[in-house]
Amino acid sequence: MENENLTKRGAGDKKETGKKSDTGQHAVFEGIRFQTPRGSWTIFPELCKGCGLCIEKCPTNVIGWSSELGAYGSNRVEVKADGCITCRICAWHCPDAAISVARQEKER
């Protein structure tokens, strides 16, 4: 499945989380979105410190270490999107909100 870049801003929009800087500007983080069979999984590399909690908690073992670096120069994580069930457990356990999981609404 394809992945795409997106932006996570400071505040005011549903996709926005973060802190205002001392100058009153919102922090902006670039994310990489992976389409999954049930929605999407997004990593924000600038927020990922490489703690590995998401890897430990993933029930389908589809999250692993990336060769690319994240925050603090540590390895970040990536997902094998085809196996992701969008359960959101990784996002709930991420202490730095570096992962966002969105479920696609079922059509009736």
Foldseek 3Di string as FASTA:
>chain_A
DDKDKDKAWPDDDPSHHADQDPVRGIDMFIWIWDAAPFGIKIFGQQQFPPPCPLCVFQPQNFKDWDPDHGHPRHTGIDGPRHRDPLPCPSCVPDPRNRMDGDGDDDDD
